[in-house]
Amino acid sequence: MIPILPFINVSFFQPSAFLMIGIPGMEALHGWISIPFSSMYTVALTGNCLILLAVRRTPSLHQPMYYFLSMLALTDVGLTLSTLPTTLAVLWFDQRLIGFNACLVQMFFLHSFSVVESSVLLAMSFDRFVAISNPLRYAAVLTNNVIIRIGMAIVARATVSLFPVPFLLKRLNFCPGKILLSHSFCFHADVMKRACADITVNILYGLYVVLSTVGVDSLLIVMSYTLILHTVMGLASPKERVRALNTCVSHILAVLVFYIPVIGVSMIHRFGKHLPHLVHALVAYVYLVIPPVLNPIIYSVKSKPIREAMLKVLKAKG
């Protein structure tokens, strides 16, 4: 009598690992390319950690504006650490394999920190609006408890929004021959395209997350600055107008540094399928690496209190 074997679904496949890529077409130069990448990662980590230490050790910086700046710096550290291990592993050692589950974990943290950064920039625009429109009640409105609640809401929002994404990918049937990613890290739009299944749900949910987080945040930031401009234009003295707007310059630059690459990545993935892989890779690196590098530079140059506090921390270390 022939034994009855349990049914095994051989039609469902998930790769044990994905194969990452560095800079497409420039593999022979990865050793040299790793130098600017290592430098940028070093600047990002050093600059943002200096901001965190400066705010913590300087009592005069224990104000809402600088607490939100600390949140931004901490987010940039997290965003940098999300891509640093795999990017440098590919560029330095040609270690291109990443496990399937490890890829999903990296993708979750990478996108979560991006959502957190967008939310923090929105909170900072609210901070500037309160400071300019109602300066006498600024400290009463943005108390330490309120700032803590805002921080917790930001983290909760990112976690809840991104939590379903890895599970939506795990249910997909992947193609055995499609394990090559387009980057040296796991990007949601990139990973889901390796599936040999209907990814409509993944596309729609990804679009929902983008619109309900980054999309809503960008609109609210524009609305905040519209109200700020209306308030500033109502000031009698031109000197007061300039002084009020100067307090917003650093934040405006940080918003541009974050949102311009976000728009670029979105446009490339939606409408740039005909573009070379090199363009896709470079835009993604600009989106993930440049904001954490530039934010500390922007705030150290434009904000004298931050610059002086960072210098004190460096002198103390020396």
C-alpha atoms as a PDB file:
ATOM      1  CA  MET A   1       0.000   0.000   0.000  1.00  0.00           C
ATOM      2  CA  ILE A   2       1.395   3.398  -1.013  1.00  0.00           C
ATOM      3  CA  PRO A   3       1.686   5.785   1.990  1.00  0.00           C
ATOM      4  CA  ILE A   4      -0.256   9.034   1.738  1.00  0.00           C
ATOM      5  CA  LEU A   5       2.178  11.961   1.835  1.00  0.00           C
ATOM      6  CA  PRO A   6       1.144  15.323   3.278  1.00  0.00           C
ATOM      7  CA  PHE A   7       0.397  17.925   0.626  1.00  0.00           C
ATOM      8  CA  ILE A   8       3.196  20.461   0.170  1.00  0.00           C
ATOM      9  CA  ASN A   9       2.480  23.704  -1.631  1.00  0.00           C
ATOM     10  CA  VAL A  10       5.460  23.966  -3.958  1.00  0.00           C
ATOM     11  CA  SER A  11       3.936  26.885  -5.871  1.00  0.00           C
ATOM     12  CA  PHE A  12       4.626  29.345  -3.017  1.00  0.00           C
ATOM     13  CA  PHE A  13       8.193  30.657  -2.898  1.00  0.00           C
ATOM     14  CA  GLN A  14       9.975  33.148  -0.686  1.00  0.00           C
ATOM     15  CA  PRO A  15      13.707  33.678  -1.202  1.00  0.00           C
ATOM     16  CA  SER A  16      15.994  32.963   1.725  1.00  0.00           C
ATOM     17  CA  ALA A  17      17.895  36.127   0.785  1.00  0.00           C
ATOM     18  CA  PHE A  18      17.970  39.041  -1.628  1.00  0.00           C
ATOM     19  CA  LEU A  19      20.999  40.214  -3.579  1.00  0.00           C
ATOM     20  CA  MET A  20      21.783  43.910  -3.096  1.00  0.00           C
ATOM     21  CA  ILE A  21      23.650  46.176  -5.491  1.00  0.00           C
ATOM     22  CA  GLY A  22      25.850  49.224  -4.877  1.00  0.00           C
ATOM     23  CA  ILE A  23      26.173  51.758  -7.686  1.00  0.00           C
ATOM     24  CA  PRO A  24      24.963  50.046 -10.897  1.00  0.00           C
ATOM     25  CA  GLY A  25      27.620  49.902 -13.613  1.00  0.00           C
ATOM     26  CA  MET A  26      30.348  51.166 -11.267  1.00  0.00           C
ATOM     27  CA  GLU A  27      31.104  47.976  -9.318  1.00  0.00           C
ATOM     28  CA  ALA A  28      34.835  48.218 -10.112  1.00  0.00           C
ATOM     29  CA  LEU A  29      34.968  51.616  -8.379  1.00  0.00           C
ATOM     30  CA  HIS A  30      33.138  50.613  -5.188  1.00  0.00           C
ATOM     31  CA  GLY A  31      36.330  50.895  -3.152  1.00  0.00           C
ATOM     32  CA  TRP A  32      36.757  54.529  -4.158  1.00  0.00           C
ATOM     33  CA  ILE A  33      33.031  55.286  -3.949  1.00  0.00           C
ATOM     34  CA  SER A  34      33.041  54.018  -0.360  1.00  0.00           C
ATOM     35  CA  ILE A  35      35.275  56.960   0.680  1.00  0.00           C
ATOM     36  CA  PRO A  36      32.660  59.725   0.166  1.00  0.00           C
ATOM     37  CA  PHE A  37      29.930  57.448   1.569  1.00  0.00           C
ATOM     38  CA  SER A  38      31.995  56.724   4.686  1.00  0.00           C
ATOM     39  CA  SER A  39      32.698  60.444   5.053  1.00  0.00           C
ATOM     40  CA  MET A  40      29.014  61.346   4.768  1.00  0.00           C
ATOM     41  CA  TYR A  41      27.982  58.696   7.288  1.00  0.00           C
ATOM     42  CA  THR A  42      30.676  59.946   9.676  1.00  0.00           C
ATOM     43  CA  VAL A  43      29.519  63.567   9.295  1.00  0.00           C
ATOM     44  CA  ALA A  44      25.875  62.549   9.796  1.00  0.00           C
ATOM     45  CA  LEU A  45      26.521  60.519  12.950  1.00  0.00           C
ATOM     46  CA  THR A  46      29.023  62.966  14.437  1.00  0.00           C
ATOM     47  CA  GLY A  47      26.981  66.089  13.677  1.00  0.00           C
ATOM     48  CA  ASN A  48      23.685  64.733  14.979  1.00  0.00           C
ATOM     49  CA  CYS A  49      25.265  63.227  18.105  1.00  0.00           C
ATOM     50  CA  LEU A  50      26.935  66.584  18.783  1.00  0.00           C
ATOM     51  CA  ILE A  51      23.543  68.310  18.588  1.00  0.00           C
ATOM     52  CA  LEU A  52      22.074  65.799  21.063  1.00  0.00           C
ATOM     53  CA  LEU A  53      24.981  66.304  23.490  1.00  0.00           C
ATOM     54  CA  ALA A  54      24.897  70.098  23.063  1.00  0.00           C
ATOM     55  CA  VAL A  55      21.191  70.351  23.886  1.00  0.00           C
ATOM     56  CA  ARG A  56      21.501  67.943  26.808  1.00  0.00           C
ATOM     57  CA  ARG A  57      24.485  69.703  28.408  1.00  0.00           C
ATOM     58  CA  THR A  58      23.425  73.319  27.840  1.00  0.00           C
ATOM     59  CA  PRO A  59      20.638  74.497  30.198  1.00  0.00           C
ATOM     60  CA  SER A  60      19.896  77.546  28.036  1.00  0.00           C
ATOM     61  CA  LEU A  61      18.914  75.188  25.195  1.00  0.00           C
ATOM     62  CA  HIS A  62      16.283  73.421  27.299  1.00  0.00           C
ATOM     63  CA  GLN A  63      13.510  75.034  25.247  1.00  0.00           C
ATOM     64  CA  PRO A  64      10.819  73.576  22.954  1.00  0.00           C
ATOM     65  CA  MET A  65      12.611  74.607  19.747  1.00  0.00           C
ATOM     66  CA  TYR A  66      15.774  72.734  20.716  1.00  0.00           C
ATOM     67  CA  TYR A  67      13.887  69.719  22.066  1.00  0.00           C
ATOM     68  CA  PHE A  68      12.315  69.323  18.631  1.00  0.00           C
ATOM     69  CA  LEU A  69      15.753  69.776  17.058  1.00  0.00           C
ATOM     70  CA  SER A  70      16.986  66.923  19.291  1.00  0.00           C
ATOM     71  CA  MET A  71      14.139  64.756  17.998  1.00  0.00           C
ATOM     72  CA  LEU A  72      15.212  65.566  14.437  1.00  0.00           C
ATOM     73  CA  ALA A  73      18.853  64.730  15.235  1.00  0.00           C
ATOM     74  CA  LEU A  74      17.889  61.433  16.906  1.00  0.00           C
ATOM     75  CA  THR A  75      15.741  60.522  13.880  1.00  0.00           C
ATOM     76  CA  ASP A  76      18.637  61.291  11.529  1.00  0.00           C
ATOM     77  CA  VAL A  77      20.904  59.015  13.578  1.00  0.00           C
ATOM     78  CA  GLY A  78      18.315  56.234  13.256  1.00  0.00           C
ATOM     79  CA  LEU A  79      17.891  56.822   9.516  1.00  0.00           C
ATOM     80  CA  THR A  80      21.658  56.740   9.012  1.00  0.00           C
ATOM     81  CA  LEU A  81      22.088  53.523  11.003  1.00  0.00           C
ATOM     82  CA  SER A  82      19.271  51.903   9.002  1.00  0.00           C
ATOM     83  CA  THR A  83      21.247  51.977   5.759  1.00  0.00           C
ATOM     84  CA  LEU A  84      24.878  52.202   6.922  1.00  0.00           C
ATOM     85  CA  PRO A  85      25.585  48.473   7.629  1.00  0.00           C
ATOM     86  CA  THR A  86      24.380  47.091   4.291  1.00  0.00           C
ATOM     87  CA  THR A  87      25.645  49.999   2.158  1.00  0.00           C
ATOM     88  CA  LEU A  88      29.186  49.826   3.545  1.00  0.00           C
ATOM     89  CA  ALA A  89      29.117  46.009   3.482  1.00  0.00           C
ATOM     90  CA  VAL A  90      28.405  46.155  -0.262  1.00  0.00           C
ATOM     91  CA  LEU A  91      30.934  48.919  -0.997  1.00  0.00           C
ATOM     92  CA  TRP A  92      33.743  47.684   1.281  1.00  0.00           C
ATOM     93  CA  PHE A  93      33.473  43.893   1.239  1.00  0.00           C
ATOM     94  CA  ASP A  94      31.116  43.105  -1.654  1.00  0.00           C
ATOM     95  CA  GLN A  95      28.813  41.386   0.870  1.00  0.00           C
ATOM     96  CA  ARG A  96      25.644  41.639  -1.153  1.00  0.00           C
ATOM     97  CA  LEU A  97      23.319  39.061   0.410  1.00  0.00           C
ATOM     98  CA  ILE A  98      20.666  40.072   2.938  1.00  0.00           C
ATOM     99  CA  GLY A  99      18.272  37.574   4.497  1.00  0.00           C
ATOM    100  CA  PHE A 100      14.570  37.869   3.627  1.00  0.00           C
ATOM    101  CA  ASN A 101      13.446  38.635   7.189  1.00  0.00           C
ATOM    102  CA  ALA A 102      16.435  40.933   7.794  1.00  0.00           C
ATOM    103  CA  CYS A 103      15.449  42.812   4.638  1.00  0.00           C
ATOM    104  CA  LEU A 104      11.903  43.313   5.932  1.00  0.00           C
ATOM    105  CA  VAL A 105      13.203  44.542   9.302  1.00  0.00           C
ATOM    106  CA  GLN A 106      15.547  47.025   7.632  1.00  0.00           C
ATOM    107  CA  MET A 107      12.740  48.212   5.373  1.00  0.00           C
ATOM    108  CA  PHE A 108      10.426  48.746   8.357  1.00  0.00           C
ATOM    109  CA  PHE A 109      12.951  50.871  10.265  1.00  0.00           C
ATOM    110  CA  LEU A 110      14.079  52.774   7.167  1.00  0.00           C
ATOM    111  CA  HIS A 111      10.546  53.872   6.258  1.00  0.00           C
ATOM    112  CA  SER A 112       9.537  54.376   9.902  1.00  0.00           C
ATOM    113  CA  PHE A 113      12.374  56.841  10.482  1.00  0.00           C
ATOM    114  CA  SER A 114      11.381  58.664   7.279  1.00  0.00           C
ATOM    115  CA  VAL A 115       7.809  59.043   8.567  1.00  0.00           C
ATOM    116  CA  VAL A 116       9.138  60.153  11.970  1.00  0.00           C
ATOM    117  CA  GLU A 117      11.347  62.775  10.290  1.00  0.00           C
ATOM    118  CA  SER A 118       8.393  64.155   8.349  1.00  0.00           C
ATOM    119  CA  SER A 119       6.319  64.306  11.563  1.00  0.00           C
ATOM    120  CA  VAL A 120       9.104  66.039  13.494  1.00  0.00           C
ATOM    121  CA  LEU A 121       9.430  68.676  10.759  1.00  0.00           C
ATOM    122  CA  LEU A 122       5.673  69.262  11.080  1.00  0.00           C
ATOM    123  CA  ALA A 123       6.003  69.608  14.874  1.00  0.00           C
ATOM    124  CA  MET A 124       8.832  72.099  14.360  1.00  0.00           C
ATOM    125  CA  SER A 125       6.638  74.188  12.032  1.00  0.00           C
ATOM    126  CA  PHE A 126       3.945  74.248  14.739  1.00  0.00           C
ATOM    127  CA  ASP A 127       6.630  75.346  17.219  1.00  0.00           C
ATOM    128  CA  ARG A 128       7.612  78.252  14.954  1.00  0.00           C
ATOM    129  CA  PHE A 129       3.957  79.218  14.438  1.00  0.00           C
ATOM    130  CA  VAL A 130       3.280  79.383  18.195  1.00  0.00           C
ATOM    131  CA  ALA A 131       6.554  81.258  18.860  1.00  0.00           C
ATOM    132  CA  ILE A 132       5.778  83.931  16.250  1.00  0.00           C
ATOM    133  CA  SER A 133       1.995  84.273  16.523  1.00  0.00           C
ATOM    134  CA  ASN A 134       1.715  84.075  20.314  1.00  0.00           C
ATOM    135  CA  PRO A 135       5.164  84.548  21.890  1.00  0.00           C
ATOM    136  CA  LEU A 136       3.825  85.412  25.352  1.00  0.00           C
ATOM    137  CA  ARG A 137       2.073  82.039  25.653  1.00  0.00           C
ATOM    138  CA  TYR A 138       4.835  80.039  23.903  1.00  0.00           C
ATOM    139  CA  ALA A 139       6.213  78.431  27.069  1.00  0.00           C
ATOM    140  CA  ALA A 140       2.708  77.817  28.443  1.00  0.00           C
ATOM    141  CA  VAL A 141       1.518  76.064  25.251  1.00  0.00           C
ATOM    142  CA  LEU A 142       4.616  73.939  24.573  1.00  0.00           C
ATOM    143  CA  THR A 143       5.326  72.566  28.040  1.00  0.00           C
ATOM    144  CA  ASN A 144       7.615  69.580  28.607  1.00  0.00           C
ATOM    145  CA  ASN A 145       4.585  67.283  28.992  1.00  0.00           C
ATOM    146  CA  VAL A 146       3.122  68.484  25.692  1.00  0.00           C
ATOM    147  CA  ILE A 147       6.455  67.935  23.912  1.00  0.00           C
ATOM    148  CA  ILE A 148       6.747  64.402  25.359  1.00  0.00           C
ATOM    149  CA  ARG A 149       3.204  63.617  24.175  1.00  0.00           C
ATOM    150  CA  ILE A 150       3.984  64.972  20.711  1.00  0.00           C
ATOM    151  CA  GLY A 151       7.109  62.775  20.577  1.00  0.00           C
ATOM    152  CA  MET A 152       5.170  59.681  21.660  1.00  0.00           C
ATOM    153  CA  ALA A 153       2.414  60.411  19.118  1.00  0.00           C
ATOM    154  CA  ILE A 154       5.027  60.746  16.351  1.00  0.00           C
ATOM    155  CA  VAL A 155       6.599  57.363  17.169  1.00  0.00           C
ATOM    156  CA  ALA A 156       3.192  55.674  17.536  1.00  0.00           C
ATOM    157  CA  ARG A 157       2.009  57.098  14.217  1.00  0.00           C
ATOM    158  CA  ALA A 158       5.059  55.803  12.335  1.00  0.00           C
ATOM    159  CA  THR A 159       4.908  52.374  13.999  1.00  0.00           C
ATOM    160  CA  VAL A 160       1.177  51.858  13.360  1.00  0.00           C
ATOM    161  CA  SER A 161       1.456  53.093   9.760  1.00  0.00           C
ATOM    162  CA  LEU A 162       4.403  50.865   8.828  1.00  0.00           C
ATOM    163  CA  PHE A 163       3.675  47.771  10.947  1.00  0.00           C
ATOM    164  CA  PRO A 164       1.450  46.036   8.330  1.00  0.00           C
ATOM    165  CA  VAL A 165       3.952  46.536   5.471  1.00  0.00           C
ATOM    166  CA  PRO A 166       6.320  43.588   6.215  1.00  0.00           C
ATOM    167  CA  PHE A 167       3.354  41.229   6.722  1.00  0.00           C
ATOM    168  CA  LEU A 168       1.773  42.322   3.442  1.00  0.00           C
ATOM    169  CA  LEU A 169       5.064  41.397   1.743  1.00  0.00           C
ATOM    170  CA  LYS A 170       5.400  38.056   3.543  1.00  0.00           C
ATOM    171  CA  ARG A 171       2.094  36.839   2.078  1.00  0.00           C
ATOM    172  CA  LEU A 172       3.381  37.310  -1.496  1.00  0.00           C
ATOM    173  CA  ASN A 173       4.721  34.606  -3.780  1.00  0.00           C
ATOM    174  CA  PHE A 174       8.145  35.669  -5.062  1.00  0.00           C
ATOM    175  CA  CYS A 175       9.891  34.687  -8.271  1.00  0.00           C
ATOM    176  CA  PRO A 176      12.922  32.376  -7.774  1.00  0.00           C
ATOM    177  CA  GLY A 177      14.897  34.278 -10.411  1.00  0.00           C
ATOM    178  CA  LYS A 178      14.082  37.789  -9.167  1.00  0.00           C
ATOM    179  CA  ILE A 179      16.179  38.321  -6.062  1.00  0.00           C
ATOM    180  CA  LEU A 180      18.348  41.225  -7.288  1.00  0.00           C
ATOM    181  CA  LEU A 181      17.429  44.515  -5.597  1.00  0.00           C
ATOM    182  CA  SER A 182      18.094  47.960  -7.081  1.00  0.00           C
ATOM    183  CA  HIS A 183      19.863  49.389  -4.003  1.00  0.00           C
ATOM    184  CA  SER A 184      22.216  48.468  -1.172  1.00  0.00           C
ATOM    185  CA  PHE A 185      19.256  48.479   1.221  1.00  0.00           C
ATOM    186  CA  CYS A 186      15.648  47.250   1.219  1.00  0.00           C
ATOM    187  CA  PHE A 187      13.154  49.744  -0.174  1.00  0.00           C
ATOM    188  CA  HIS A 188       9.438  48.860  -0.108  1.00  0.00           C
ATOM    189  CA  ALA A 189       8.745  49.773  -3.737  1.00  0.00           C
ATOM    190  CA  ASP A 190      11.802  47.773  -4.786  1.00  0.00           C
ATOM    191  CA  VAL A 191      11.099  44.621  -2.738  1.00  0.00           C
ATOM    192  CA  MET A 192       7.440  44.266  -3.720  1.00  0.00           C
ATOM    193  CA  LYS A 193       8.367  44.363  -7.434  1.00  0.00           C
ATOM    194  CA  ARG A 194      10.329  41.104  -6.948  1.00  0.00           C
ATOM    195  CA  ALA A 195       7.033  39.266  -6.354  1.00  0.00           C
ATOM    196  CA  CYS A 196       5.312  37.095  -8.962  1.00  0.00           C
ATOM    197  CA  ALA A 197       1.870  37.869  -7.545  1.00  0.00           C
ATOM    198  CA  ASP A 198      -0.765  40.568  -7.561  1.00  0.00           C
ATOM    199  CA  ILE A 199       0.734  43.476  -5.590  1.00  0.00           C
ATOM    200  CA  THR A 200      -2.270  45.807  -5.884  1.00  0.00           C
ATOM    201  CA  VAL A 201      -2.895  45.720  -2.120  1.00  0.00           C
ATOM    202  CA  ASN A 202       0.771  46.544  -1.437  1.00  0.00           C
ATOM    203  CA  ILE A 203       0.725  49.433  -3.905  1.00  0.00           C
ATOM    204  CA  LEU A 204      -2.514  50.867  -2.507  1.00  0.00           C
ATOM    205  CA  TYR A 205      -1.413  50.546   1.110  1.00  0.00           C
ATOM    206  CA  GLY A 206       2.002  52.058   0.311  1.00  0.00           C
ATOM    207  CA  LEU A 207       0.252  54.971  -1.407  1.00  0.00           C
ATOM    208  CA  TYR A 208      -2.059  55.379   1.591  1.00  0.00           C
ATOM    209  CA  VAL A 209       0.913  55.508   4.001  1.00  0.00           C
ATOM    210  CA  VAL A 210       2.718  58.109   1.892  1.00  0.00           C
ATOM    211  CA  LEU A 211      -0.362  60.323   1.486  1.00  0.00           C
ATOM    212  CA  SER A 212      -1.506  60.019   5.125  1.00  0.00           C
ATOM    213  CA  THR A 213       1.926  60.806   6.556  1.00  0.00           C
ATOM    214  CA  VAL A 214       4.338  62.703   4.315  1.00  0.00           C
ATOM    215  CA  GLY A 215       1.528  64.077   2.132  1.00  0.00           C
ATOM    216  CA  VAL A 216      -0.567  65.384   5.028  1.00  0.00           C
ATOM    217  CA  ASP A 217       2.537  66.676   6.845  1.00  0.00           C
ATOM    218  CA  SER A 218       3.708  68.664   3.825  1.00  0.00           C
ATOM    219  CA  LEU A 219       0.285  70.301   3.427  1.00  0.00           C
ATOM    220  CA  LEU A 220       0.137  71.204   7.124  1.00  0.00           C
ATOM    221  CA  ILE A 221       3.671  72.642   6.982  1.00  0.00           C
ATOM    222  CA  VAL A 222       2.666  74.841   4.034  1.00  0.00           C
ATOM    223  CA  MET A 223      -0.445  75.901   5.975  1.00  0.00           C
ATOM    224  CA  SER A 224       1.688  76.711   9.043  1.00  0.00           C
ATOM    225  CA  TYR A 225       3.999  78.946   7.021  1.00  0.00           C
ATOM    226  CA  THR A 226       1.034  80.639   5.347  1.00  0.00           C
ATOM    227  CA  LEU A 227      -0.243  81.574   8.818  1.00  0.00           C
ATOM    228  CA  ILE A 228       3.275  82.562   9.912  1.00  0.00           C
ATOM    229  CA  LEU A 229       3.646  84.882   6.894  1.00  0.00           C
ATOM    230  CA  HIS A 230       0.226  86.391   7.616  1.00  0.00           C
ATOM    231  CA  THR A 231       1.320  87.070  11.207  1.00  0.00           C
ATOM    232  CA  VAL A 232       4.726  88.458  10.168  1.00  0.00           C
ATOM    233  CA  MET A 233       3.186  90.792   7.582  1.00  0.00           C
ATOM    234  CA  GLY A 234       1.060  92.214  10.392  1.00  0.00           C
ATOM    235  CA  LEU A 235       4.113  93.344  12.350  1.00  0.00           C
ATOM    236  CA  ALA A 236       4.649  97.082  12.261  1.00  0.00           C
ATOM    237  CA  SER A 237       8.445  97.185  12.107  1.00  0.00           C
ATOM    238  CA  PRO A 238      10.371  95.773   9.090  1.00  0.00           C
ATOM    239  CA  LYS A 239      13.185  94.874  11.510  1.00  0.00           C
ATOM    240  CA  GLU A 240      10.753  92.766  13.555  1.00  0.00           C
ATOM    241  CA  ARG A 241       9.575  91.024  10.369  1.00  0.00           C
ATOM    242  CA  VAL A 242      13.121  90.109   9.389  1.00  0.00           C
ATOM    243  CA  ARG A 243      13.933  88.936  12.918  1.00  0.00           C
ATOM    244  CA  ALA A 244      10.809  86.737  13.016  1.00  0.00           C
ATOM    245  CA  LEU A 245      11.509  85.195   9.590  1.00  0.00           C
ATOM    246  CA  ASN A 246      15.177  84.572  10.482  1.00  0.00           C
ATOM    247  CA  THR A 247      14.055  82.188  13.237  1.00  0.00           C
ATOM    248  CA  CYS A 248      12.406  80.053  10.515  1.00  0.00           C
ATOM    249  CA  VAL A 249      15.267  79.885   7.996  1.00  0.00           C
ATOM    250  CA  SER A 250      16.925  76.769   9.427  1.00  0.00           C
ATOM    251  CA  HIS A 251      13.634  74.907   9.567  1.00  0.00           C
ATOM    252  CA  ILE A 252      12.668  75.918   6.021  1.00  0.00           C
ATOM    253  CA  LEU A 253      16.024  74.631   4.738  1.00  0.00           C
ATOM    254  CA  ALA A 254      15.573  71.347   6.660  1.00  0.00           C
ATOM    255  CA  VAL A 255      12.090  70.957   5.136  1.00  0.00           C
ATOM    256  CA  LEU A 256      13.452  71.514   1.618  1.00  0.00           C
ATOM    257  CA  VAL A 257      16.367  69.117   2.197  1.00  0.00           C
ATOM    258  CA  PHE A 258      13.918  66.385   3.236  1.00  0.00           C
ATOM    259  CA  TYR A 259      10.920  66.914   0.950  1.00  0.00           C
ATOM    260  CA  ILE A 260      12.674  67.622  -2.373  1.00  0.00           C
ATOM    261  CA  PRO A 261      14.395  64.171  -2.399  1.00  0.00           C
ATOM    262  CA  VAL A 262      11.118  62.550  -1.200  1.00  0.00           C
ATOM    263  CA  ILE A 263       9.304  64.029  -4.191  1.00  0.00           C
ATOM    264  CA  GLY A 264      12.189  62.941  -6.433  1.00  0.00           C
ATOM    265  CA  VAL A 265      12.048  59.329  -5.210  1.00  0.00           C
ATOM    266  CA  SER A 266       8.255  59.204  -5.587  1.00  0.00           C
ATOM    267  CA  MET A 267       8.372  60.594  -9.126  1.00  0.00           C
ATOM    268  CA  ILE A 268      11.204  58.246 -10.154  1.00  0.00           C
ATOM    269  CA  HIS A 269       9.397  55.124  -8.887  1.00  0.00           C
ATOM    270  CA  ARG A 270       6.070  56.154 -10.469  1.00  0.00           C
ATOM    271  CA  PHE A 271       7.145  57.624 -13.801  1.00  0.00           C
ATOM    272  CA  GLY A 272      10.870  56.919 -14.245  1.00  0.00           C
ATOM    273  CA  LYS A 273      10.847  53.239 -15.196  1.00  0.00           C
ATOM    274  CA  HIS A 274      12.627  54.062 -18.465  1.00  0.00           C
ATOM    275  CA  LEU A 275      15.487  55.834 -16.662  1.00  0.00           C
ATOM    276  CA  PRO A 276      18.837  54.051 -16.086  1.00  0.00           C
ATOM    277  CA  HIS A 277      19.273  52.085 -12.828  1.00  0.00           C
ATOM    278  CA  LEU A 278      22.057  54.512 -11.910  1.00  0.00           C
ATOM    279  CA  VAL A 279      19.538  57.387 -11.672  1.00  0.00           C
ATOM    280  CA  HIS A 280      17.237  55.345  -9.414  1.00  0.00           C
ATOM    281  CA  ALA A 281      20.153  54.462  -7.132  1.00  0.00           C
ATOM    282  CA  LEU A 282      21.524  58.007  -6.874  1.00  0.00           C
ATOM    283  CA  VAL A 283      18.109  59.556  -6.118  1.00  0.00           C
ATOM    284  CA  ALA A 284      17.526  56.967  -3.363  1.00  0.00           C
ATOM    285  CA  TYR A 285      20.938  57.690  -1.814  1.00  0.00           C
ATOM    286  CA  VAL A 286      20.246  61.446  -1.909  1.00  0.00           C
ATOM    287  CA  TYR A 287      16.911  60.832  -0.165  1.00  0.00           C
ATOM    288  CA  LEU A 288      18.374  58.697   2.632  1.00  0.00           C
ATOM    289  CA  VAL A 289      21.921  60.013   3.135  1.00  0.00           C
ATOM    290  CA  ILE A 290      21.864  63.745   2.389  1.00  0.00           C
ATOM    291  CA  PRO A 291      19.274  65.041   4.956  1.00  0.00           C
ATOM    292  CA  PRO A 292      21.095  63.519   7.985  1.00  0.00           C
ATOM    293  CA  VAL A 293      24.341  65.043   6.668  1.00  0.00           C
ATOM    294  CA  LEU A 294      22.992  68.533   5.946  1.00  0.00           C
ATOM    295  CA  ASN A 295      20.678  69.080   8.928  1.00  0.00           C
ATOM    296  CA  PRO A 296      23.491  69.428  11.529  1.00  0.00           C
ATOM    297  CA  ILE A 297      25.403  71.706   9.137  1.00  0.00           C
ATOM    298  CA  ILE A 298      22.331  73.896   8.540  1.00  0.00           C
ATOM    299  CA  TYR A 299      21.547  74.318  12.241  1.00  0.00           C
ATOM    300  CA  SER A 300      25.176  74.814  13.299  1.00  0.00           C
ATOM    301  CA  VAL A 301      25.633  77.540  10.664  1.00  0.00           C
ATOM    302  CA  LYS A 302      22.276  79.336  11.084  1.00  0.00           C
ATOM    303  CA  SER A 303      21.816  78.976  14.854  1.00  0.00           C
ATOM    304  CA  LYS A 304      24.436  80.709  16.992  1.00  0.00           C
ATOM    305  CA  PRO A 305      23.335  79.073  20.303  1.00  0.00           C
ATOM    306  CA  ILE A 306      23.608  75.586  18.753  1.00  0.00           C
ATOM    307  CA  ARG A 307      26.967  76.388  17.167  1.00  0.00           C
ATOM    308  CA  GLU A 308      28.423  77.672  20.443  1.00  0.00           C
ATOM    309  CA  ALA A 309      27.055  74.712  22.406  1.00  0.00           C
ATOM    310  CA  MET A 310      28.502  72.223  19.878  1.00  0.00           C
ATOM    311  CA  LEU A 311      31.894  73.941  20.092  1.00  0.00           C
ATOM    312  CA  LYS A 312      31.782  73.680  23.904  1.00  0.00           C
ATOM    313  CA  VAL A 313      31.096  69.951  23.655  1.00  0.00           C
ATOM    314  CA  LEU A 314      34.035  69.528  21.256  1.00  0.00           C
ATOM    315  CA  LYS A 315      36.359  71.516  23.554  1.00  0.00           C
ATOM    316  CA  ALA A 316      35.242  69.462  26.550  1.00  0.00           C
ATOM    317  CA  LYS A 317      36.001  66.249  24.631  1.00  0.00           C
ATOM    318  CA  GLY A 318      39.391  67.617  23.660  1.00  0.00           C
END
